[in-house]
């Protein structure tokens, strides 16, 4: 386990506040409750987001993968993964707010980050997803929804940290929306 960041440092707690800030666009009550569990004020969350954005946009930035390593510490695990004909490294970090999930970063051999989102932790039991009603906020990941309601059609998200999947269930079209890979809401929509 990585020790807590020293006061004033940007560590896991601050990073979780950044994730919550984007999730609050869809689920403000859940995000507010999680922020309070972290013991952070709204002002501290705004400051964490401001610092994260400064790190991301800095001309002296060391790159996304180095940034994640400096903020989250050494990954819990790292392994080679092949996606289609692309080779990458999958790095996983635990986050206390979501003990059954891991923050996954997929990195190219040159260190470029291709994807970053929450996935189910290895060995953790995922949800049983039989109907769209089972897709409650923060209950499932992109991969879990895609497997449960195949075939799905990926759709462009409304921001870089968002994904959408269109699918048909019970003869009706739906769209599932995700932030950092975690389900936020499901609505009637266009089917695959």
Protein backbone atom coordinates (compact mmCIF):
# COMPACT_ATOMS: atom_id res chain seq x y z
CA UNK A 1 0.00 0.00 0.00
CA UNK A 2 1.22 3.46 -0.88
CA UNK A 3 1.63 5.76 2.13
CA UNK A 4 -0.58 8.86 2.19
CA UNK A 5 0.77 11.91 0.43
CA UNK A 6 2.38 14.53 2.68
CA UNK A 7 0.24 17.61 3.43
CA UNK A 8 0.04 19.84 0.38
CA UNK A 9 1.12 17.03 -1.98
CA UNK A 10 -1.13 15.84 -4.78
CA UNK A 11 -1.78 12.14 -4.13
CA UNK A 12 -4.54 9.53 -4.32
CA UNK A 13 -7.04 11.50 -2.24
CA UNK A 14 -6.64 14.56 -4.47
CA UNK A 15 -6.85 12.39 -7.59
CA UNK A 16 -10.10 10.85 -6.37
CA UNK A 17 -11.49 14.36 -5.89
CA UNK A 18 -10.69 15.07 -9.56
CA UNK A 19 -12.58 11.93 -10.65
CA UNK A 20 -15.53 12.90 -8.45
CA UNK A 21 -15.66 16.39 -9.93
CA UNK A 22 -16.39 14.93 -13.38
CA UNK A 23 -18.82 12.35 -11.98
CA UNK A 24 -20.74 15.12 -10.22
CA UNK A 25 -21.93 16.30 -13.64
CA UNK A 26 -24.19 13.22 -13.67
CA UNK A 27 -24.47 12.16 -10.02
CA UNK A 28 -23.99 15.21 -7.78
CA UNK A 29 -25.42 13.55 -4.65
CA UNK A 30 -23.22 10.45 -4.93
CA UNK A 31 -20.15 12.55 -5.69
CA UNK A 32 -20.86 14.89 -2.76
CA UNK A 33 -21.29 11.94 -0.38
CA UNK A 34 -18.01 10.39 -1.61
CA UNK A 35 -16.19 13.74 -1.24
CA UNK A 36 -17.36 13.93 2.37
CA UNK A 37 -16.14 10.34 2.96
CA UNK A 38 -12.72 11.56 1.84
CA UNK A 39 -12.99 14.35 4.42
CA UNK A 40 -12.65 17.06 1.78
CA UNK A 41 -14.51 20.33 1.41
CA UNK A 42 -15.87 21.67 -1.86
CA UNK A 43 -13.07 24.24 -1.85
CA UNK A 44 -10.48 21.46 -1.48
CA UNK A 45 -12.07 19.61 -4.39
CA UNK A 46 -11.95 22.73 -6.57
CA UNK A 47 -8.29 23.24 -5.60
CA UNK A 48 -7.45 19.60 -6.41
CA UNK A 49 -9.09 19.93 -9.82
CA UNK A 50 -7.27 23.22 -10.46
CA UNK A 51 -3.92 21.63 -9.58
CA UNK A 52 -4.65 18.57 -11.75
CA UNK A 53 -5.55 20.76 -14.73
CA UNK A 54 -2.35 22.76 -14.22
CA UNK A 55 -0.32 19.52 -14.24
CA UNK A 56 -2.09 18.29 -17.38
CA UNK A 57 -1.61 21.57 -19.25
CA UNK A 58 1.89 22.42 -18.06
CA UNK A 59 4.41 22.90 -20.87
CA UNK A 60 6.93 21.17 -18.58
CA UNK A 61 4.65 18.15 -18.12
CA UNK A 62 6.48 14.82 -18.01
CA UNK A 63 3.68 13.04 -19.88
CA UNK A 64 0.52 11.34 -18.71
CA UNK A 65 2.06 8.05 -17.58
CA UNK A 66 4.74 9.80 -15.50
CA UNK A 67 2.03 12.03 -14.03
CA UNK A 68 -0.05 9.02 -12.93
CA UNK A 69 3.01 7.35 -11.41
CA UNK A 70 3.95 10.51 -9.49
CA UNK A 71 0.39 11.01 -8.19
CA UNK A 72 -0.65 7.39 -7.54
CA UNK A 73 2.73 5.82 -6.78
CA UNK A 74 3.88 2.49 -8.19
CA UNK A 75 1.04 0.52 -9.80
CA UNK A 76 -0.44 -2.43 -7.92
CA UNK A 77 0.12 -4.48 -11.07
CA UNK A 78 1.33 -4.06 -14.63
CA UNK A 79 1.08 -6.50 -17.49
CA UNK A 80 1.41 -6.63 -21.26
CA UNK A 81 -1.87 -6.60 -23.15
CA UNK A 82 -2.74 -6.99 -26.82
CA UNK A 83 -5.76 -5.11 -28.16
CA UNK A 84 -6.34 -6.06 -31.78
CA UNK A 85 -2.87 -5.76 -33.30
CA UNK A 86 -1.66 -3.18 -30.76
CA UNK A 87 0.64 -4.02 -27.87
CA UNK A 88 0.33 -1.99 -24.69
CA UNK A 89 0.95 -2.12 -20.96
CA UNK A 90 -2.00 -2.18 -18.54
CA UNK A 91 -1.22 -0.59 -15.18
CA UNK A 92 -3.65 -0.82 -12.24
CA UNK A 93 -3.92 1.31 -9.10
CA UNK A 94 -6.35 0.85 -6.19
CA UNK A 95 -8.45 3.81 -5.10
CA UNK A 96 -10.01 3.70 -1.61
CA UNK A 97 -13.38 5.11 -2.74
CA UNK A 98 -13.91 2.13 -5.04
CA UNK A 99 -12.28 -0.91 -3.37
CA UNK A 100 -13.65 -3.38 -5.95
CA UNK A 101 -12.34 -1.30 -8.85
CA UNK A 102 -8.92 -0.27 -10.11
CA UNK A 103 -7.83 2.79 -12.05
CA UNK A 104 -6.42 1.35 -15.26
CA UNK A 105 -4.03 3.13 -17.59
CA UNK A 106 -3.26 1.59 -20.98
CA UNK A 107 0.13 2.81 -22.20
CA UNK A 108 1.87 2.38 -25.53
CA UNK A 109 5.45 1.06 -25.63
CA UNK A 110 6.67 4.68 -25.93
CA UNK A 111 4.78 5.65 -22.74
CA UNK A 112 1.89 7.45 -24.46
CA UNK A 113 -1.37 6.89 -22.60
CA UNK A 114 -4.13 5.45 -24.78
CA UNK A 115 -6.87 5.07 -22.18
CA UNK A 116 -7.50 5.73 -18.50
CA UNK A 117 -10.56 4.55 -16.61
CA UNK A 118 -11.97 2.45 -13.79
CA UNK A 119 -12.20 -1.32 -14.28
CA UNK A 120 -13.23 -4.19 -12.00
CA UNK A 121 -10.36 -5.35 -9.76
CA UNK A 122 -8.94 -8.76 -10.64
CA UNK A 123 -10.87 -11.38 -8.68
CA UNK A 124 -13.60 -8.95 -7.54
CA UNK A 125 -17.18 -10.01 -8.16
CA UNK A 126 -18.93 -7.82 -10.70
CA UNK A 127 -22.64 -6.99 -10.70
CA UNK A 128 -25.35 -9.22 -12.15
CA UNK A 129 -26.70 -7.26 -15.13
CA UNK A 130 -29.89 -8.71 -16.61
CA UNK A 131 -31.86 -5.57 -17.49
CA UNK A 132 -31.28 -1.83 -17.88
CA UNK A 133 -32.81 -1.40 -14.40
CA UNK A 134 -29.74 -3.20 -12.99
CA UNK A 135 -27.52 -0.39 -14.31
CA UNK A 136 -27.59 1.80 -11.23
CA UNK A 137 -25.08 4.66 -10.91
CA UNK A 138 -21.52 3.55 -10.14
CA UNK A 139 -22.48 -0.15 -10.25
CA UNK A 140 -20.73 -1.30 -13.44
CA UNK A 141 -17.88 -0.57 -15.82
CA UNK A 142 -17.88 -0.11 -19.60
CA UNK A 143 -16.60 -3.66 -20.15
CA UNK A 144 -19.25 -5.18 -17.87
CA UNK A 145 -22.11 -3.37 -19.61
CA UNK A 146 -20.71 -4.24 -23.05
CA UNK A 147 -20.53 -7.93 -22.12
CA UNK A 148 -23.98 -8.05 -20.49
CA UNK A 149 -25.84 -6.30 -23.31
CA UNK A 150 -23.89 -7.38 -26.42
CA UNK A 151 -23.94 -6.34 -29.12
CA UNK A 152 -23.33 -2.73 -28.16
CA UNK A 153 -22.38 0.25 -30.28
CA UNK A 154 -19.73 2.60 -28.88
CA UNK A 155 -20.70 6.24 -29.24
CA UNK A 156 -18.66 9.39 -28.87
CA UNK A 157 -18.66 10.74 -25.33
CA UNK A 158 -19.52 14.32 -24.48
CA UNK A 159 -16.04 14.94 -22.98
CA UNK A 160 -12.64 13.18 -23.04
CA UNK A 161 -13.35 11.29 -19.79
CA UNK A 162 -16.78 10.08 -20.92
CA UNK A 163 -17.97 7.07 -22.92
CA UNK A 164 -21.38 6.03 -24.19
CA UNK A 165 -22.71 2.66 -25.31
CA UNK A 166 -25.91 2.11 -27.29
CA UNK A 167 -27.63 -1.24 -26.86
CA UNK A 168 -30.99 -2.95 -27.14
CA UNK A 169 -32.60 -4.72 -24.18
CA UNK A 170 -36.11 -6.07 -23.82
CA UNK A 171 -36.76 -4.89 -27.39
CA UNK A 172 -36.01 -1.23 -26.57
CA UNK A 173 -32.97 0.96 -27.38
CA UNK A 174 -30.89 2.43 -24.55
CA UNK A 175 -27.77 4.54 -24.11
CA UNK A 176 -25.50 4.00 -21.11
CA UNK A 177 -23.24 6.90 -20.13
CA UNK A 178 -19.95 6.52 -18.27
CA UNK A 179 -17.43 8.83 -16.63
CA UNK A 180 -13.93 7.43 -16.17
CA UNK A 181 -15.39 4.05 -17.19
CA UNK A 182 -18.01 3.94 -14.41
CA UNK A 183 -21.75 3.89 -15.25
CA UNK A 184 -23.47 7.18 -14.47
CA UNK A 185 -26.90 6.84 -16.08
CA UNK A 186 -28.99 4.95 -18.62
CA UNK A 187 -31.64 6.50 -20.81
CA UNK A 188 -33.88 5.52 -23.70
CA UNK A 189 -32.01 6.17 -26.90
CA UNK A 190 -30.89 4.92 -30.27
CA UNK A 191 -30.16 1.20 -30.49
CA UNK A 192 -27.22 -0.49 -32.19
